[in-house]
Structures are given as structure tokens and as C-alpha cells.
């Protein structure tokens, strides 16, 4: 069972993603900030991170750079309400870029693809 870390400062989004991804058979933990996520990443092993970009405090792009530096083979999917970050070079470090939607089909498909590449 793949372990996924969902990082988003919106509690409702974390709850939605956790519920939907657990229904898909994944083991999911969540963090509400970059610092909380960094702490979890130091303590536990994950197979994939779903990361929001715009968060209070440390941005998702800053955390993405740390994840790539510290855990280079850990897939990261950026999931944001804004498509404008696709042109930011930092976002290119991620395995996928998904614009938030009430339909989680694209996110679930990108998770499947990223996990398949890893194994």
C-alpha cells in the first residue's frame, strides 16, 4: 500500500484528498504547512507527496526544492488552484502539475503514473 503525504493549508482540501485517496487504497497522512510536512518527511517514509503551492509561510515551491534536494527520488505532484505556476522553473522539478478541481480524476491518474514510474 503506497503512502501519500498531502500538503495543503486548506483543511477541507486535506480532508477531501485524504478521504478520496484512502478510498483508492492509499495510506494518507496530511500536513497543513510546509514546516509540518518537512517534519513528517524527516520522521516517516512516503511514496509520494501531493503538494499545494500557495500556503501561508513556506510556499509549496520552496518545499519542493527541499524535497528534491533531500529525497531526490520521492515523486511530488503539485496541486494548485493556479495554472500560472506552470511557467515557474521551480515547478518543473515536480513529477506532475495538476490544477485543483472538484473532479479528482486527473490527480488520481497522475498519482497512479508517478507511483508506477517509481516501482
C-alpha atoms as a PDB file:
ATOM      1  CA  UNK A   1       0.000   0.000   0.000  1.00  0.00           C
ATOM      2  CA  UNK A   2       1.526   3.283  -1.106  1.00  0.00           C
ATOM      3  CA  UNK A   3       1.911   6.011   1.498  1.00  0.00           C
ATOM      4  CA  UNK A   4       0.976   9.525   0.359  1.00  0.00           C
ATOM      5  CA  UNK A   5       1.579  12.832   2.116  1.00  0.00           C
ATOM      6  CA  UNK A   6      -0.951  15.556   1.256  1.00  0.00           C
ATOM      7  CA  UNK A   7       0.297  19.077   1.993  1.00  0.00           C
ATOM      8  CA  UNK A   8      -2.280  21.858   1.794  1.00  0.00           C
ATOM      9  CA  UNK A   9      -3.131  24.724   4.125  1.00  0.00           C
ATOM     10  CA  UNK A  10      -6.877  24.278   3.499  1.00  0.00           C
ATOM     11  CA  UNK A  11      -8.326  21.785   5.975  1.00  0.00           C
ATOM     12  CA  UNK A  12     -11.279  20.899   3.745  1.00  0.00           C
ATOM     13  CA  UNK A  13      -8.974  20.086   0.825  1.00  0.00           C
ATOM     14  CA  UNK A  14      -6.803  17.869   3.053  1.00  0.00           C
ATOM     15  CA  UNK A  15      -9.914  16.046   4.264  1.00  0.00           C
ATOM     16  CA  UNK A  16     -11.278  15.606   0.717  1.00  0.00           C
ATOM     17  CA  UNK A  17      -7.978  14.310  -0.679  1.00  0.00           C
ATOM     18  CA  UNK A  18      -7.406  12.012   2.308  1.00  0.00           C
ATOM     19  CA  UNK A  19     -10.885  10.523   2.023  1.00  0.00           C
ATOM     20  CA  UNK A  20     -10.770  10.096  -1.764  1.00  0.00           C
ATOM     21  CA  UNK A  21      -7.241   8.689  -1.829  1.00  0.00           C
ATOM     22  CA  UNK A  22      -7.905   6.287   1.040  1.00  0.00           C
ATOM     23  CA  UNK A  23     -10.925   5.045  -0.941  1.00  0.00           C
ATOM     24  CA  UNK A  24      -8.425   4.321  -3.748  1.00  0.00           C
ATOM     25  CA  UNK A  25      -6.448   2.139  -1.343  1.00  0.00           C
ATOM     26  CA  UNK A  26      -3.644   4.513  -0.398  1.00  0.00           C
ATOM     27  CA  UNK A  27      -2.439   5.216   3.125  1.00  0.00           C
ATOM     28  CA  UNK A  28      -2.655   9.001   3.521  1.00  0.00           C
ATOM     29  CA  UNK A  29      -1.281  11.490   6.025  1.00  0.00           C
ATOM     30  CA  UNK A  30      -1.662  15.222   5.743  1.00  0.00           C
ATOM     31  CA  UNK A  31       0.128  18.393   6.739  1.00  0.00           C
ATOM     32  CA  UNK A  32      -1.225  21.937   6.896  1.00  0.00           C
ATOM     33  CA  UNK A  33       2.069  23.757   6.320  1.00  0.00           C
ATOM     34  CA  UNK A  34       5.482  23.350   4.777  1.00  0.00           C
ATOM     35  CA  UNK A  35       7.169  23.067   8.171  1.00  0.00           C
ATOM     36  CA  UNK A  36       4.724  20.386   9.327  1.00  0.00           C
ATOM     37  CA  UNK A  37       5.335  18.487   6.081  1.00  0.00           C
ATOM     38  CA  UNK A  38       9.118  18.775   6.426  1.00  0.00           C
ATOM     39  CA  UNK A  39       8.895  17.343   9.934  1.00  0.00           C
ATOM     40  CA  UNK A  40       6.767  14.396   8.748  1.00  0.00           C
ATOM     41  CA  UNK A  41       9.146  13.755   5.850  1.00  0.00           C
ATOM     42  CA  UNK A  42      12.070  13.508   8.277  1.00  0.00           C
ATOM     43  CA  UNK A  43      10.258  11.067  10.567  1.00  0.00           C
ATOM     44  CA  UNK A  44       8.409   8.842   8.099  1.00  0.00           C
ATOM     45  CA  UNK A  45       8.813   7.346   4.655  1.00  0.00           C
ATOM     46  CA  UNK A  46       6.333   8.249   1.945  1.00  0.00           C
ATOM     47  CA  UNK A  47       5.955   7.021  -1.619  1.00  0.00           C
ATOM     48  CA  UNK A  48       4.567  10.276  -2.990  1.00  0.00           C
ATOM     49  CA  UNK A  49       3.728  13.869  -1.983  1.00  0.00           C
ATOM     50  CA  UNK A  50       0.744  15.895  -3.191  1.00  0.00           C
ATOM     51  CA  UNK A  51       1.768  19.494  -2.621  1.00  0.00           C
ATOM     52  CA  UNK A  52      -0.151  22.765  -2.765  1.00  0.00           C
ATOM     53  CA  UNK A  53       1.845  25.770  -3.987  1.00  0.00           C
ATOM     54  CA  UNK A  54       0.283  28.759  -2.240  1.00  0.00           C
ATOM     55  CA  UNK A  55       0.385  28.230   1.502  1.00  0.00           C
ATOM     56  CA  UNK A  56       0.917  30.517   4.443  1.00  0.00           C
ATOM     57  CA  UNK A  57       4.575  30.629   5.433  1.00  0.00           C
ATOM     58  CA  UNK A  58       6.769  28.405   3.290  1.00  0.00           C
ATOM     59  CA  UNK A  59       5.415  28.021  -0.253  1.00  0.00           C
ATOM     60  CA  UNK A  60       4.981  24.684  -1.929  1.00  0.00           C
ATOM     61  CA  UNK A  61       7.698  25.577  -4.450  1.00  0.00           C
ATOM     62  CA  UNK A  62      10.181  26.214  -1.612  1.00  0.00           C
ATOM     63  CA  UNK A  63       9.267  22.893  -0.018  1.00  0.00           C
ATOM     64  CA  UNK A  64       9.525  21.165  -3.417  1.00  0.00           C
ATOM     65  CA  UNK A  65      13.149  22.312  -3.737  1.00  0.00           C
ATOM     66  CA  UNK A  66      13.949  20.898  -0.284  1.00  0.00           C
ATOM     67  CA  UNK A  67      12.257  17.593  -1.091  1.00  0.00           C
ATOM     68  CA  UNK A  68      14.203  17.242  -4.337  1.00  0.00           C
ATOM     69  CA  UNK A  69      17.461  18.071  -2.518  1.00  0.00           C
ATOM     70  CA  UNK A  70      16.866  15.722   0.436  1.00  0.00           C
ATOM     71  CA  UNK A  71      14.792  12.947  -1.161  1.00  0.00           C
ATOM     72  CA  UNK A  72      15.524  13.156  -4.870  1.00  0.00           C
ATOM     73  CA  UNK A  73      13.568  10.034  -5.834  1.00  0.00           C
ATOM     74  CA  UNK A  74      10.360  10.938  -3.974  1.00  0.00           C
ATOM     75  CA  UNK A  75       7.662  11.803  -6.542  1.00  0.00           C
ATOM     76  CA  UNK A  76       5.890  15.121  -5.968  1.00  0.00           C
ATOM     77  CA  UNK A  77       2.665  16.238  -7.623  1.00  0.00           C
ATOM     78  CA  UNK A  78       1.912  19.939  -7.434  1.00  0.00           C
ATOM     79  CA  UNK A  79      -1.787  20.549  -6.969  1.00  0.00           C
ATOM     80  CA  UNK A  80      -2.828  24.169  -7.046  1.00  0.00           C
ATOM     81  CA  UNK A  81      -5.760  26.394  -7.922  1.00  0.00           C
ATOM     82  CA  UNK A  82      -3.485  28.441 -10.196  1.00  0.00           C
ATOM     83  CA  UNK A  83      -2.214  27.419 -13.624  1.00  0.00           C
ATOM     84  CA  UNK A  84       0.214  30.368 -13.742  1.00  0.00           C
ATOM     85  CA  UNK A  85       2.932  28.493 -11.828  1.00  0.00           C
ATOM     86  CA  UNK A  86       3.428  26.072 -14.731  1.00  0.00           C
ATOM     87  CA  UNK A  87       5.858  28.606 -16.207  1.00  0.00           C
ATOM     88  CA  UNK A  88       7.883  28.858 -12.980  1.00  0.00           C
ATOM     89  CA  UNK A  89      11.087  26.844 -13.417  1.00  0.00           C
ATOM     90  CA  UNK A  90      10.807  25.585  -9.833  1.00  0.00           C
ATOM     91  CA  UNK A  91       7.549  23.834 -10.654  1.00  0.00           C
ATOM     92  CA  UNK A  92       9.344  21.781 -13.319  1.00  0.00           C
ATOM     93  CA  UNK A  93      11.048  19.836 -10.527  1.00  0.00           C
ATOM     94  CA  UNK A  94       7.724  18.152  -9.769  1.00  0.00           C
ATOM     95  CA  UNK A  95       6.605  14.937 -11.440  1.00  0.00           C
ATOM     96  CA  UNK A  96       3.256  16.441 -12.384  1.00  0.00           C
ATOM     97  CA  UNK A  97       1.264  19.654 -12.147  1.00  0.00           C
ATOM     98  CA  UNK A  98      -2.482  19.435 -11.569  1.00  0.00           C
ATOM     99  CA  UNK A  99      -4.920  22.340 -11.326  1.00  0.00           C
ATOM    100  CA  UNK A 100      -7.335  21.809  -8.430  1.00  0.00           C
ATOM    101  CA  UNK A 101     -10.804  20.695  -9.388  1.00  0.00           C
ATOM    102  CA  UNK A 102     -13.787  19.113  -7.688  1.00  0.00           C
ATOM    103  CA  UNK A 103     -13.178  16.205 -10.076  1.00  0.00           C
ATOM    104  CA  UNK A 104     -10.103  14.409  -8.727  1.00  0.00           C
ATOM    105  CA  UNK A 105      -9.715  12.138 -11.771  1.00  0.00           C
ATOM    106  CA  UNK A 106      -6.635  13.938 -13.116  1.00  0.00           C
ATOM    107  CA  UNK A 107      -4.954  13.966  -9.706  1.00  0.00           C
ATOM    108  CA  UNK A 108      -5.649  10.259  -9.199  1.00  0.00           C
ATOM    109  CA  UNK A 109      -4.309   9.443 -12.669  1.00  0.00           C
ATOM    110  CA  UNK A 110      -1.115  11.438 -12.065  1.00  0.00           C
ATOM    111  CA  UNK A 111      -0.647   9.643  -8.740  1.00  0.00           C
ATOM    112  CA  UNK A 112      -1.005   6.262 -10.485  1.00  0.00           C
ATOM    113  CA  UNK A 113       1.510   7.283 -13.168  1.00  0.00           C
ATOM    114  CA  UNK A 114       4.061   8.642 -10.676  1.00  0.00           C
ATOM    115  CA  UNK A 115       3.849   5.558  -8.464  1.00  0.00           C
ATOM    116  CA  UNK A 116       4.144   3.242 -11.489  1.00  0.00           C
ATOM    117  CA  UNK A 117       7.342   5.056 -12.569  1.00  0.00           C
ATOM    118  CA  UNK A 118       8.789   4.698  -9.083  1.00  0.00           C
ATOM    119  CA  UNK A 119       8.335   0.925  -8.938  1.00  0.00           C
END
